[in-house]
Every structure is written in C-alpha cells, then in structure tokens.
C-alpha cells in the first residue's frame, strides 16, 4: 500500500479520513478529543508542558493499535461512514487489516516528525 506521508496532524487525519475503510477511525478521533478535553480540565503544573496536537494524535493511534492490532476483532467493527462509496463492498476482515497497516504507517511517519522537532 502506497499512502502519502503526513506533514501535520491535520494532514494525517485527512489521509485517515480518506483512506480508512472501517469505523476504527472514530476511536482515533475520540482519543484525540478526550486528550484535548483532559488537558483543558487539568492544565499542566509546574514545569510540565501542554501536549501538542501531534503528540495527542500519536498517543490516540497507539491506543487504537494496542486495542486492535494482533487480535481478530473485525467482527465488532463496521464500515467507515465517512468513506463508504457505494461501489465498494465492505469486507470486514480485509478492511480491518488494511486499516491496521494504514494506522501503523501513519503513526511511524508522525513519530518521525515528532523526533525531528524534539531537541
């Protein structure tokens, strides 16, 4: 699978929205939103810093992969409602594996970006 490398968290989410075949995508969005809400409720104290959207997206993808990767939970996922072209037949097991591979590749690219920004 040849997928574009992201250059920002927003770009990555756009790639995921356009290419994910299952509703695992909603868990990524929910994870980011939960982290943003938590950060607003409990601001960092002392020398701690706020997490960047990039860090929150990486953590969210890591959580989704930890939940689904290496397991066969394709029976509990559905079609991505935002990328459900009528021409495409939903194949839970195949689409599940596609999305795991896509999330893994996007997370690796995001981690490269984060590593290049840290000093």
PDB file of N, CA and C in Angstrom:
ATOM      1  N   UNK A   1       0.851  -1.166   0.000  1.00  0.00           N
ATOM      2  CA  UNK A   1       0.000   0.000   0.000  1.00  0.00           C
ATOM      3  C   UNK A   1       0.900   1.234   0.000  1.00  0.00           C
ATOM      4  N   UNK A   2       0.713   2.093  -0.962  1.00  0.00           N
ATOM      5  CA  UNK A   2       1.486   3.332  -1.052  1.00  0.00           C
ATOM      6  C   UNK A   2       0.580   4.482  -0.641  1.00  0.00           C
ATOM      7  N   UNK A   3       0.801   4.984   0.553  1.00  0.00           N
ATOM      8  CA  UNK A   3      -0.009   6.084   1.090  1.00  0.00           C
ATOM      9  C   UNK A   3       0.912   7.265   1.355  1.00  0.00           C
ATOM     10  N   UNK A   4       0.400   8.418   1.090  1.00  0.00           N
ATOM     11  CA  UNK A   4       1.116   9.674   1.317  1.00  0.00           C
ATOM     12  C   UNK A   4       1.544   9.796   2.780  1.00  0.00           C
ATOM     13  N   UNK A   5       2.739  10.342   2.999  1.00  0.00           N
ATOM     14  CA  UNK A   5       3.215  10.598   4.351  1.00  0.00           C
ATOM     15  C   UNK A   5       2.630  11.926   4.835  1.00  0.00           C
ATOM     16  N   UNK A   6       2.175  11.970   6.071  1.00  0.00           N
ATOM     17  CA  UNK A   6       1.609  13.211   6.583  1.00  0.00           C
ATOM     18  C   UNK A   6       2.686  14.235   6.903  1.00  0.00           C
ATOM     19  N   UNK A   7       2.291  15.511   6.848  1.00  0.00           N
ATOM     20  CA  UNK A   7       3.226  16.570   7.223  1.00  0.00           C
ATOM     21  C   UNK A   7       2.731  17.331   8.449  1.00  0.00           C
ATOM     22  N   UNK A   8       1.542  16.969   8.957  1.00  0.00           N
ATOM     23  CA  UNK A   8       0.984  17.601  10.151  1.00  0.00           C
ATOM     24  C   UNK A   8      -0.117  16.694  10.705  1.00  0.00           C
ATOM     25  N   UNK A   9      -0.552  16.929  11.950  1.00  0.00           N
ATOM     26  CA  UNK A   9      -1.651  16.127  12.488  1.00  0.00           C
ATOM     27  C   UNK A   9      -2.929  16.245  11.650  1.00  0.00           C
ATOM     28  N   UNK A  10      -3.251  17.453  11.201  1.00  0.00           N
ATOM     29  CA  UNK A  10      -4.448  17.655  10.384  1.00  0.00           C
ATOM     30  C   UNK A  10      -4.354  16.923   9.050  1.00  0.00           C
ATOM     31  N   UNK A  11      -3.174  16.962   8.459  1.00  0.00           N
ATOM     32  CA  UNK A  11      -2.957  16.259   7.198  1.00  0.00           C
ATOM     33  C   UNK A  11      -3.121  14.752   7.401  1.00  0.00           C
ATOM     34  N   UNK A  12      -2.585  14.243   8.500  1.00  0.00           N
ATOM     35  CA  UNK A  12      -2.705  12.821   8.814  1.00  0.00           C
ATOM     36  C   UNK A  12      -4.180  12.433   8.970  1.00  0.00           C
ATOM     37  N   UNK A  13      -4.933  13.224   9.711  1.00  0.00           N
ATOM     38  CA  UNK A  13      -6.357  12.918   9.884  1.00  0.00           C
ATOM     39  C   UNK A  13      -7.088  12.943   8.551  1.00  0.00           C
ATOM     40  N   UNK A  14      -6.704  13.846   7.673  1.00  0.00           N
ATOM     41  CA  UNK A  14      -7.295  13.881   6.333  1.00  0.00           C
ATOM     42  C   UNK A  14      -6.996  12.608   5.558  1.00  0.00           C
ATOM     43  N   UNK A  15      -5.744  12.147   5.639  1.00  0.00           N
ATOM     44  CA  UNK A  15      -5.354  10.904   4.973  1.00  0.00           C
ATOM     45  C   UNK A  15      -6.162   9.733   5.543  1.00  0.00           C
ATOM     46  N   UNK A  16      -6.268   9.685   6.869  1.00  0.00           N
ATOM     47  CA  UNK A  16      -7.028   8.610   7.503  1.00  0.00           C
ATOM     48  C   UNK A  16      -8.502   8.678   7.109  1.00  0.00           C
ATOM     49  N   UNK A  17      -9.076   9.871   7.129  1.00  0.00           N
ATOM     50  CA  UNK A  17     -10.482  10.020   6.744  1.00  0.00           C
ATOM     51  C   UNK A  17     -10.732   9.535   5.326  1.00  0.00           C
ATOM     52  N   UNK A  18      -9.789   9.831   4.435  1.00  0.00           N
ATOM     53  CA  UNK A  18      -9.952   9.466   3.027  1.00  0.00           C
ATOM     54  C   UNK A  18      -9.686   7.995   2.742  1.00  0.00           C
ATOM     55  N   UNK A  19      -8.872   7.345   3.570  1.00  0.00           N
ATOM     56  CA  UNK A  19      -8.411   6.005   3.226  1.00  0.00           C
ATOM     57  C   UNK A  19      -8.852   4.884   4.156  1.00  0.00           C
ATOM     58  N   UNK A  20      -9.279   5.202   5.357  1.00  0.00           N
ATOM     59  CA  UNK A  20      -9.695   4.125   6.260  1.00  0.00           C
ATOM     60  C   UNK A  20     -11.017   3.551   5.796  1.00  0.00           C
ATOM     61  N   UNK A  21     -11.109   2.254   5.876  1.00  0.00           N
ATOM     62  CA  UNK A  21     -12.295   1.554   5.401  1.00  0.00           C
ATOM     63  C   UNK A  21     -13.252   1.169   6.525  1.00  0.00           C
ATOM     64  N   UNK A  22     -12.770   1.205   7.763  1.00  0.00           N
ATOM     65  CA  UNK A  22     -13.595   0.783   8.896  1.00  0.00           C
ATOM     66  C   UNK A  22     -13.851   1.956   9.839  1.00  0.00           C
ATOM     67  N   UNK A  23     -14.727   1.710  10.792  1.00  0.00           N
ATOM     68  CA  UNK A  23     -15.033   2.763  11.759  1.00  0.00           C
ATOM     69  C   UNK A  23     -14.039   2.806  12.919  1.00  0.00           C
ATOM     70  N   UNK A  24     -12.896   2.124  12.786  1.00  0.00           N
ATOM     71  CA  UNK A  24     -11.827   2.278  13.779  1.00  0.00           C
ATOM     72  C   UNK A  24     -11.402   3.737  13.856  1.00  0.00           C
ATOM     73  N   UNK A  25     -11.630   4.437  12.773  1.00  0.00           N
ATOM     74  CA  UNK A  25     -11.282   5.854  12.691  1.00  0.00           C
ATOM     75  C   UNK A  25     -11.932   6.656  13.814  1.00  0.00           C
ATOM     76  N   UNK A  26     -13.135   6.294  14.189  1.00  0.00           N
ATOM     77  CA  UNK A  26     -13.810   7.063  15.245  1.00  0.00           C
ATOM     78  C   UNK A  26     -13.073   6.959  16.570  1.00  0.00           C
ATOM     79  N   UNK A  27     -12.414   5.818  16.817  1.00  0.00           N
ATOM     80  CA  UNK A  27     -11.642   5.676  18.054  1.00  0.00           C
ATOM     81  C   UNK A  27     -10.436   6.612  18.064  1.00  0.00           C
ATOM     82  N   UNK A  28      -9.853   6.846  16.911  1.00  0.00           N
ATOM     83  CA  UNK A  28      -8.742   7.795  16.812  1.00  0.00           C
ATOM     84  C   UNK A  28      -9.253   9.188  17.165  1.00  0.00           C
ATOM     85  N   UNK A  29     -10.358   9.597  16.544  1.00  0.00           N
ATOM     86  CA  UNK A  29     -10.932  10.916  16.809  1.00  0.00           C
ATOM     87  C   UNK A  29     -11.359  11.052  18.272  1.00  0.00           C
ATOM     88  N   UNK A  30     -11.994  10.022  18.814  1.00  0.00           N
ATOM     89  CA  UNK A  30     -12.426  10.069  20.215  1.00  0.00           C
ATOM     90  C   UNK A  30     -11.231  10.199  21.163  1.00  0.00           C
ATOM     91  N   UNK A  31     -10.148   9.505  20.847  1.00  0.00           N
ATOM     92  CA  UNK A  31      -8.947   9.572  21.681  1.00  0.00           C
ATOM     93  C   UNK A  31      -8.331  10.956  21.685  1.00  0.00           C
ATOM     94  N   UNK A  32      -8.258  11.572  20.525  1.00  0.00           N
ATOM     95  CA  UNK A  32      -7.712  12.930  20.434  1.00  0.00           C
ATOM     96  C   UNK A  32      -8.594  13.895  21.221  1.00  0.00           C
ATOM     97  N   UNK A  33      -9.892  13.798  21.015  1.00  0.00           N
ATOM     98  CA  UNK A  33     -10.835  14.690  21.702  1.00  0.00           C
ATOM     99  C   UNK A  33     -10.739  14.524  23.215  1.00  0.00           C
ATOM    100  N   UNK A  34     -10.650  13.281  23.694  1.00  0.00           N
ATOM    101  CA  UNK A  34     -10.546  13.027  25.136  1.00  0.00           C
ATOM    102  C   UNK A  34      -9.265  13.646  25.696  1.00  0.00           C
ATOM    103  N   UNK A  35      -8.179  13.543  24.968  1.00  0.00           N
ATOM    104  CA  UNK A  35      -6.910  14.121  25.430  1.00  0.00           C
ATOM    105  C   UNK A  35      -6.983  15.648  25.459  1.00  0.00           C
ATOM    106  N   UNK A  36      -7.615  16.220  24.465  1.00  0.00           N
ATOM    107  CA  UNK A  36      -7.760  17.675  24.435  1.00  0.00           C
ATOM    108  C   UNK A  36      -8.628  18.145  25.604  1.00  0.00           C
ATOM    109  N   UNK A  37      -9.729  17.440  25.838  1.00  0.00           N
ATOM    110  CA  UNK A  37     -10.616  17.794  26.949  1.00  0.00           C
ATOM    111  C   UNK A  37      -9.902  17.661  28.290  1.00  0.00           C
ATOM    112  N   UNK A  38      -9.135  16.587  28.453  1.00  0.00           N
ATOM    113  CA  UNK A  38      -8.406  16.360  29.700  1.00  0.00           C
ATOM    114  C   UNK A  38      -7.386  17.470  29.943  1.00  0.00           C
ATOM    115  N   UNK A  39      -6.722  17.873  28.897  1.00  0.00           N
ATOM    116  CA  UNK A  39      -5.715  18.927  29.013  1.00  0.00           C
ATOM    117  C   UNK A  39      -6.365  20.265  29.388  1.00  0.00           C
ATOM    118  N   UNK A  40      -7.572  20.513  28.883  1.00  0.00           N
ATOM    119  CA  UNK A  40      -8.277  21.747  29.233  1.00  0.00           C
ATOM    120  C   UNK A  40      -8.746  21.723  30.678  1.00  0.00           C
ATOM    121  N   UNK A  41      -9.178  20.548  31.146  1.00  0.00           N
ATOM    122  CA  UNK A  41      -9.668  20.416  32.521  1.00  0.00           C
ATOM    123  C   UNK A  41      -8.549  20.459  33.541  1.00  0.00           C
ATOM    124  N   UNK A  42      -7.429  19.817  33.222  1.00  0.00           N
ATOM    125  CA  UNK A  42      -6.293  19.732  34.145  1.00  0.00           C
ATOM    126  C   UNK A  42      -5.048  20.274  33.468  1.00  0.00           C
ATOM    127  N   UNK A  43      -4.880  21.574  33.481  1.00  0.00           N
ATOM    128  CA  UNK A  43      -3.676  22.141  32.857  1.00  0.00           C
ATOM    129  C   UNK A  43      -2.418  21.631  33.552  1.00  0.00           C
ATOM    130  N   UNK A  44      -1.319  21.497  32.814  1.00  0.00           N
ATOM    131  CA  UNK A  44      -0.060  21.029  33.412  1.00  0.00           C
ATOM    132  C   UNK A  44       0.397  21.954  34.537  1.00  0.00           C
ATOM    133  N   UNK A  45       1.040  21.371  35.526  1.00  0.00           N
ATOM    134  CA  UNK A  45       1.528  22.149  36.670  1.00  0.00           C
ATOM    135  C   UNK A  45       3.038  22.216  36.663  1.00  0.00           C
ATOM    136  N   UNK A  46       3.539  23.246  37.288  1.00  0.00           N
ATOM    137  CA  UNK A  46       4.989  23.386  37.423  1.00  0.00           C
ATOM    138  C   UNK A  46       5.670  23.516  36.073  1.00  0.00           C
ATOM    139  N   UNK A  47       6.673  22.686  35.877  1.00  0.00           N
ATOM    140  CA  UNK A  47       7.450  22.732  34.643  1.00  0.00           C
ATOM    141  C   UNK A  47       6.854  21.869  33.536  1.00  0.00           C
ATOM    142  N   UNK A  48       5.804  21.148  33.856  1.00  0.00           N
ATOM    143  CA  UNK A  48       5.180  20.307  32.829  1.00  0.00           C
ATOM    144  C   UNK A  48       4.640  21.188  31.710  1.00  0.00           C
ATOM    145  N   UNK A  49       4.627  20.658  30.513  1.00  0.00           N
ATOM    146  CA  UNK A  49       4.145  21.422  29.371  1.00  0.00           C
ATOM    147  C   UNK A  49       2.896  20.777  28.791  1.00  0.00           C
ATOM    148  N   UNK A  50       2.188  21.542  28.029  1.00  0.00           N
ATOM    149  CA  UNK A  50       0.994  21.028  27.349  1.00  0.00           C
ATOM    150  C   UNK A  50       1.437  20.120  26.204  1.00  0.00           C
ATOM    151  N   UNK A  51       0.666  19.075  25.969  1.00  0.00           N
ATOM    152  CA  UNK A  51       0.961  18.199  24.835  1.00  0.00           C
ATOM    153  C   UNK A  51       0.519  18.875  23.552  1.00  0.00           C
ATOM    154  N   UNK A  52       1.276  18.639  22.522  1.00  0.00           N
ATOM    155  CA  UNK A  52       0.944  19.193  21.219  1.00  0.00           C
ATOM    156  C   UNK A  52      -0.116  18.304  20.546  1.00  0.00           C
ATOM    157  N   UNK A  53      -0.840  18.845  19.561  1.00  0.00           N
ATOM    158  CA  UNK A  53      -1.781  18.010  18.802  1.00  0.00           C
ATOM    159  C   UNK A  53      -1.086  16.803  18.167  1.00  0.00           C
ATOM    160  N   UNK A  54       0.169  16.962  17.776  1.00  0.00           N
ATOM    161  CA  UNK A  54       0.926  15.861  17.199  1.00  0.00           C
ATOM    162  C   UNK A  54       1.090  14.726  18.213  1.00  0.00           C
ATOM    163  N   UNK A  55       1.478  15.078  19.433  1.00  0.00           N
ATOM    164  CA  UNK A  55       1.641  14.065  20.485  1.00  0.00           C
ATOM    165  C   UNK A  55       0.313  13.390  20.817  1.00  0.00           C
ATOM    166  N   UNK A  56      -0.756  14.168  20.866  1.00  0.00           N
ATOM    167  CA  UNK A  56      -2.069  13.596  21.169  1.00  0.00           C
ATOM    168  C   UNK A  56      -2.535  12.633  20.085  1.00  0.00           C
ATOM    169  N   UNK A  57      -2.278  12.979  18.830  1.00  0.00           N
ATOM    170  CA  UNK A  57      -2.666  12.097  17.731  1.00  0.00           C
ATOM    171  C   UNK A  57      -1.855  10.804  17.765  1.00  0.00           C
ATOM    172  N   UNK A  58      -0.562  10.908  18.016  1.00  0.00           N
ATOM    173  CA  UNK A  58       0.282   9.705  18.116  1.00  0.00           C
ATOM    174  C   UNK A  58      -0.224   8.802  19.231  1.00  0.00           C
ATOM    175  N   UNK A  59      -0.501   9.374  20.390  1.00  0.00           N
ATOM    176  CA  UNK A  59      -0.988   8.583  21.518  1.00  0.00           C
ATOM    177  C   UNK A  59      -2.330   7.929  21.198  1.00  0.00           C
ATOM    178  N   UNK A  60      -3.186   8.649  20.530  1.00  0.00           N
ATOM    179  CA  UNK A  60      -4.502   8.109  20.170  1.00  0.00           C
ATOM    180  C   UNK A  60      -4.359   6.933  19.210  1.00  0.00           C
ATOM    181  N   UNK A  61      -3.492   7.075  18.209  1.00  0.00           N
ATOM    182  CA  UNK A  61      -3.265   5.977  17.261  1.00  0.00           C
ATOM    183  C   UNK A  61      -2.634   4.785  17.975  1.00  0.00           C
ATOM    184  N   UNK A  62      -1.703   5.054  18.888  1.00  0.00           N
ATOM    185  CA  UNK A  62      -1.094   3.965  19.666  1.00  0.00           C
ATOM    186  C   UNK A  62      -2.153   3.202  20.453  1.00  0.00           C
ATOM    187  N   UNK A  63      -3.086   3.926  21.062  1.00  0.00           N
ATOM    188  CA  UNK A  63      -4.162   3.280  21.820  1.00  0.00           C
ATOM    189  C   UNK A  63      -5.039   2.405  20.925  1.00  0.00           C
ATOM    190  N   UNK A  64      -5.385   2.923  19.751  1.00  0.00           N
ATOM    191  CA  UNK A  64      -6.229   2.156  18.823  1.00  0.00           C
ATOM    192  C   UNK A  64      -5.483   0.905  18.359  1.00  0.00           C
ATOM    193  N   UNK A  65      -4.208   1.055  18.031  1.00  0.00           N
ATOM    194  CA  UNK A  65      -3.437  -0.111  17.606  1.00  0.00           C
ATOM    195  C   UNK A  65      -3.302  -1.125  18.739  1.00  0.00           C
ATOM    196  N   UNK A  66      -3.094  -0.668  19.955  1.00  0.00           N
ATOM    197  CA  UNK A  66      -2.990  -1.583  21.091  1.00  0.00           C
ATOM    198  C   UNK A  66      -4.295  -2.362  21.276  1.00  0.00           C
ATOM    199  N   UNK A  67      -5.386  -1.721  20.982  1.00  0.00           N
ATOM    200  CA  UNK A  67      -6.696  -2.356  21.139  1.00  0.00           C
ATOM    201  C   UNK A  67      -6.976  -3.375  20.044  1.00  0.00           C
ATOM    202  N   UNK A  68      -6.592  -3.071  18.804  1.00  0.00           N
ATOM    203  CA  UNK A  68      -6.988  -3.897  17.669  1.00  0.00           C
ATOM    204  C   UNK A  68      -5.878  -4.738  17.047  1.00  0.00           C
ATOM    205  N   UNK A  69      -4.638  -4.266  17.078  1.00  0.00           N
ATOM    206  CA  UNK A  69      -3.550  -4.972  16.418  1.00  0.00           C
ATOM    207  C   UNK A  69      -3.280  -6.303  17.107  1.00  0.00           C
ATOM    208  N   UNK A  70      -3.064  -7.330  16.313  1.00  0.00           N
ATOM    209  CA  UNK A  70      -2.764  -8.642  16.875  1.00  0.00           C
ATOM    210  C   UNK A  70      -3.979  -9.400  17.354  1.00  0.00           C
ATOM    211  N   UNK A  71      -5.141  -8.842  17.184  1.00  0.00           N
ATOM    212  CA  UNK A  71      -6.372  -9.532  17.565  1.00  0.00           C
ATOM    213  C   UNK A  71      -7.271  -9.602  16.340  1.00  0.00           C
ATOM    214  N   UNK A  72      -8.274 -10.385  16.440  1.00  0.00           N
ATOM    215  CA  UNK A  72      -9.209 -10.522  15.327  1.00  0.00           C
ATOM    216  C   UNK A  72     -10.567  -9.958  15.736  1.00  0.00           C
ATOM    217  N   UNK A  73     -10.583  -8.677  16.000  1.00  0.00           N
ATOM    218  CA  UNK A  73     -11.817  -8.022  16.420  1.00  0.00           C
ATOM    219  C   UNK A  73     -12.598  -7.466  15.233  1.00  0.00           C
ATOM    220  N   UNK A  74     -12.328  -7.985  14.042  1.00  0.00           N
ATOM    221  CA  UNK A  74     -13.000  -7.447  12.863  1.00  0.00           C
ATOM    222  C   UNK A  74     -14.508  -7.659  12.906  1.00  0.00           C
ATOM    223  N   UNK A  75     -14.983  -8.553  13.759  1.00  0.00           N
ATOM    224  CA  UNK A  75     -16.424  -8.788  13.868  1.00  0.00           C
ATOM    225  C   UNK A  75     -17.135  -7.624  14.564  1.00  0.00           C
ATOM    226  N   UNK A  76     -16.395  -6.802  15.297  1.00  0.00           N
ATOM    227  CA  UNK A  76     -17.034  -5.712  16.042  1.00  0.00           C
ATOM    228  C   UNK A  76     -16.875  -4.352  15.374  1.00  0.00           C
ATOM    229  N   UNK A  77     -16.245  -4.316  14.225  1.00  0.00           N
ATOM    230  CA  UNK A  77     -16.083  -3.041  13.537  1.00  0.00           C
ATOM    231  C   UNK A  77     -17.056  -2.959  12.375  1.00  0.00           C
ATOM    232  N   UNK A  78     -17.321  -1.752  11.966  1.00  0.00           N
ATOM    233  CA  UNK A  78     -18.220  -1.531  10.834  1.00  0.00           C
ATOM    234  C   UNK A  78     -17.528  -0.724   9.765  1.00  0.00           C
ATOM    235  N   UNK A  79     -18.281  -0.412   8.771  1.00  0.00           N
ATOM    236  CA  UNK A  79     -17.789   0.372   7.641  1.00  0.00           C
ATOM    237  C   UNK A  79     -17.566   1.817   8.073  1.00  0.00           C
ATOM    238  N   UNK A  80     -16.549   2.456   7.530  1.00  0.00           N
ATOM    239  CA  UNK A  80     -16.282   3.868   7.792  1.00  0.00           C
ATOM    240  C   UNK A  80     -17.405   4.678   7.139  1.00  0.00           C
ATOM    241  N   UNK A  81     -18.252   5.331   7.927  1.00  0.00           N
ATOM    242  CA  UNK A  81     -19.381   6.061   7.347  1.00  0.00           C
ATOM    243  C   UNK A  81     -18.967   7.288   6.537  1.00  0.00           C
ATOM    244  N   UNK A  82     -17.722   7.743   6.709  1.00  0.00           N
ATOM    245  CA  UNK A  82     -17.251   8.930   6.001  1.00  0.00           C
ATOM    246  C   UNK A  82     -16.544   8.584   4.691  1.00  0.00           C
ATOM    247  N   UNK A  83     -16.290   7.308   4.479  1.00  0.00           N
ATOM    248  CA  UNK A  83     -15.606   6.862   3.270  1.00  0.00           C
ATOM    249  C   UNK A  83     -16.286   5.589   2.780  1.00  0.00           C
ATOM    250  N   UNK A  84     -17.579   5.677   2.591  1.00  0.00           N
ATOM    251  CA  UNK A  84     -18.366   4.499   2.238  1.00  0.00           C
ATOM    252  C   UNK A  84     -18.937   4.644   0.840  1.00  0.00           C
ATOM    253  N   UNK A  85     -18.059   4.587  -0.134  1.00  0.00           N
ATOM    254  CA  UNK A  85     -18.521   4.678  -1.522  1.00  0.00           C
ATOM    255  C   UNK A  85     -19.421   3.508  -1.864  1.00  0.00           C
ATOM    256  N   UNK A  86     -20.462   3.759  -2.619  1.00  0.00           N
ATOM    257  CA  UNK A  86     -21.405   2.690  -2.950  1.00  0.00           C
ATOM    258  C   UNK A  86     -20.781   1.615  -3.846  1.00  0.00           C
ATOM    259  N   UNK A  87     -19.682   1.930  -4.489  1.00  0.00           N
ATOM    260  CA  UNK A  87     -19.020   0.983  -5.375  1.00  0.00           C
ATOM    261  C   UNK A  87     -18.197  -0.052  -4.607  1.00  0.00           C
ATOM    262  N   UNK A  88     -17.928   0.185  -3.359  1.00  0.00           N
ATOM    263  CA  UNK A  88     -17.029  -0.657  -2.581  1.00  0.00           C
ATOM    264  C   UNK A  88     -17.789  -1.557  -1.626  1.00  0.00           C
ATOM    265  N   UNK A  89     -17.556  -2.844  -1.769  1.00  0.00           N
ATOM    266  CA  UNK A  89     -18.168  -3.817  -0.863  1.00  0.00           C
ATOM    267  C   UNK A  89     -17.348  -3.876   0.425  1.00  0.00           C
ATOM    268  N   UNK A  90     -18.008  -3.830   1.553  1.00  0.00           N
ATOM    269  CA  UNK A  90     -17.327  -3.886   2.850  1.00  0.00           C
ATOM    270  C   UNK A  90     -16.932  -5.331   3.141  1.00  0.00           C
ATOM    271  N   UNK A  91     -15.642  -5.530   3.374  1.00  0.00           N
ATOM    272  CA  UNK A  91     -15.108  -6.843   3.721  1.00  0.00           C
ATOM    273  C   UNK A  91     -14.421  -6.708   5.072  1.00  0.00           C
ATOM    274  N   UNK A  92     -15.125  -7.012   6.156  1.00  0.00           N
ATOM    275  CA  UNK A  92     -14.607  -6.714   7.494  1.00  0.00           C
ATOM    276  C   UNK A  92     -13.176  -7.174   7.754  1.00  0.00           C
ATOM    277  N   UNK A  93     -12.842  -8.414   7.457  1.00  0.00           N
ATOM    278  CA  UNK A  93     -11.506  -8.909   7.795  1.00  0.00           C
ATOM    279  C   UNK A  93     -10.427  -8.227   6.953  1.00  0.00           C
ATOM    280  N   UNK A  94     -10.635  -8.123   5.662  1.00  0.00           N
ATOM    281  CA  UNK A  94      -9.666  -7.488   4.768  1.00  0.00           C
ATOM    282  C   UNK A  94      -9.532  -5.998   5.083  1.00  0.00           C
ATOM    283  N   UNK A  95     -10.663  -5.321   5.270  1.00  0.00           N
ATOM    284  CA  UNK A  95     -10.648  -3.885   5.553  1.00  0.00           C
ATOM    285  C   UNK A  95     -10.015  -3.599   6.915  1.00  0.00           C
ATOM    286  N   UNK A  96     -10.252  -4.475   7.878  1.00  0.00           N
ATOM    287  CA  UNK A  96      -9.657  -4.371   9.216  1.00  0.00           C
ATOM    288  C   UNK A  96      -8.133  -4.392   9.106  1.00  0.00           C
ATOM    289  N   UNK A  97      -7.618  -5.362   8.395  1.00  0.00           N
ATOM    290  CA  UNK A  97      -6.163  -5.499   8.240  1.00  0.00           C
ATOM    291  C   UNK A  97      -5.572  -4.308   7.473  1.00  0.00           C
ATOM    292  N   UNK A  98      -6.288  -3.840   6.472  1.00  0.00           N
ATOM    293  CA  UNK A  98      -5.865  -2.646   5.721  1.00  0.00           C
ATOM    294  C   UNK A  98      -5.703  -1.462   6.663  1.00  0.00           C
ATOM    295  N   UNK A  99      -6.698  -1.253   7.517  1.00  0.00           N
ATOM    296  CA  UNK A  99      -6.673  -0.095   8.410  1.00  0.00           C
ATOM    297  C   UNK A  99      -5.588  -0.201   9.477  1.00  0.00           C
ATOM    298  N   UNK A 100      -5.310  -1.412   9.957  1.00  0.00           N
ATOM    299  CA  UNK A 100      -4.210  -1.600  10.915  1.00  0.00           C
ATOM    300  C   UNK A 100      -2.894  -1.202  10.245  1.00  0.00           C
ATOM    301  N   UNK A 101      -2.700  -1.647   9.018  1.00  0.00           N
ATOM    302  CA  UNK A 101      -1.480  -1.309   8.278  1.00  0.00           C
ATOM    303  C   UNK A 101      -1.393   0.199   8.030  1.00  0.00           C
ATOM    304  N   UNK A 102      -2.508   0.815   7.665  1.00  0.00           N
ATOM    305  CA  UNK A 102      -2.540   2.259   7.423  1.00  0.00           C
ATOM    306  C   UNK A 102      -2.216   3.033   8.704  1.00  0.00           C
ATOM    307  N   UNK A 103      -2.846   2.671   9.810  1.00  0.00           N
ATOM    308  CA  UNK A 103      -2.577   3.350  11.078  1.00  0.00           C
ATOM    309  C   UNK A 103      -1.116   3.190  11.491  1.00  0.00           C
ATOM    310  N   UNK A 104      -0.571   2.009  11.299  1.00  0.00           N
ATOM    311  CA  UNK A 104       0.826   1.755  11.650  1.00  0.00           C
ATOM    312  C   UNK A 104       1.756   2.641  10.831  1.00  0.00           C
ATOM    313  N   UNK A 105       1.506   2.742   9.540  1.00  0.00           N
ATOM    314  CA  UNK A 105       2.381   3.559   8.684  1.00  0.00           C
ATOM    315  C   UNK A 105       2.255   5.043   9.020  1.00  0.00           C
ATOM    316  N   UNK A 106       1.045   5.505   9.285  1.00  0.00           N
ATOM    317  CA  UNK A 106       0.856   6.912   9.616  1.00  0.00           C
ATOM    318  C   UNK A 106       1.484   7.254  10.968  1.00  0.00           C
ATOM    319  N   UNK A 107       1.370   6.335  11.924  1.00  0.00           N
ATOM    320  CA  UNK A 107       1.966   6.577  13.232  1.00  0.00           C
ATOM    321  C   UNK A 107       3.490   6.670  13.112  1.00  0.00           C
ATOM    322  N   UNK A 108       4.084   5.799  12.316  1.00  0.00           N
ATOM    323  CA  UNK A 108       5.539   5.840  12.128  1.00  0.00           C
ATOM    324  C   UNK A 108       5.968   7.173  11.517  1.00  0.00           C
ATOM    325  N   UNK A 109       5.211   7.656  10.555  1.00  0.00           N
ATOM    326  CA  UNK A 109       5.540   8.945   9.929  1.00  0.00           C
ATOM    327  C   UNK A 109       5.387  10.092  10.933  1.00  0.00           C
ATOM    328  N   UNK A 110       4.353  10.043  11.748  1.00  0.00           N
ATOM    329  CA  UNK A 110       4.149  11.089  12.763  1.00  0.00           C
ATOM    330  C   UNK A 110       5.270  11.062  13.803  1.00  0.00           C
ATOM    331  N   UNK A 111       5.710   9.866  14.177  1.00  0.00           N
ATOM    332  CA  UNK A 111       6.806   9.754  15.143  1.00  0.00           C
ATOM    333  C   UNK A 111       8.102  10.323  14.572  1.00  0.00           C
ATOM    334  N   UNK A 112       8.313  10.154  13.274  1.00  0.00           N
ATOM    335  CA  UNK A 112       9.488  10.762  12.621  1.00  0.00           C
ATOM    336  C   UNK A 112       9.414  12.283  12.718  1.00  0.00           C
ATOM    337  N   UNK A 113       8.218  12.822  12.470  1.00  0.00           N
ATOM    338  CA  UNK A 113       8.050  14.285  12.545  1.00  0.00           C
ATOM    339  C   UNK A 113       8.337  14.752  13.974  1.00  0.00           C
ATOM    340  N   UNK A 114       7.771  14.060  14.950  1.00  0.00           N
ATOM    341  CA  UNK A 114       7.971  14.441  16.348  1.00  0.00           C
ATOM    342  C   UNK A 114       9.450  14.369  16.724  1.00  0.00           C
ATOM    343  N   UNK A 115      10.130  13.321  16.304  1.00  0.00           N
ATOM    344  CA  UNK A 115      11.561  13.182  16.615  1.00  0.00           C
ATOM    345  C   UNK A 115      12.377  14.309  15.991  1.00  0.00           C
ATOM    346  N   UNK A 116      11.987  14.750  14.801  1.00  0.00           N
ATOM    347  CA  UNK A 116      12.730  15.832  14.150  1.00  0.00           C
ATOM    348  C   UNK A 116      12.478  17.173  14.827  1.00  0.00           C
ATOM    349  N   UNK A 117      11.376  17.298  15.560  1.00  0.00           N
ATOM    350  CA  UNK A 117      11.053  18.554  16.236  1.00  0.00           C
ATOM    351  C   UNK A 117      11.632  18.630  17.642  1.00  0.00           C
ATOM    352  N   UNK A 118      11.866  17.479  18.268  1.00  0.00           N
ATOM    353  CA  UNK A 118      12.382  17.463  19.643  1.00  0.00           C
ATOM    354  C   UNK A 118      13.855  17.823  19.638  1.00  0.00           C
ATOM    355  N   UNK A 119      14.271  18.583  20.641  1.00  0.00           N
ATOM    356  CA  UNK A 119      15.663  18.991  20.735  1.00  0.00           C
ATOM    357  C   UNK A 119      16.148  18.942  22.103  1.00  0.00           C
TER     358      UNK A 119
END
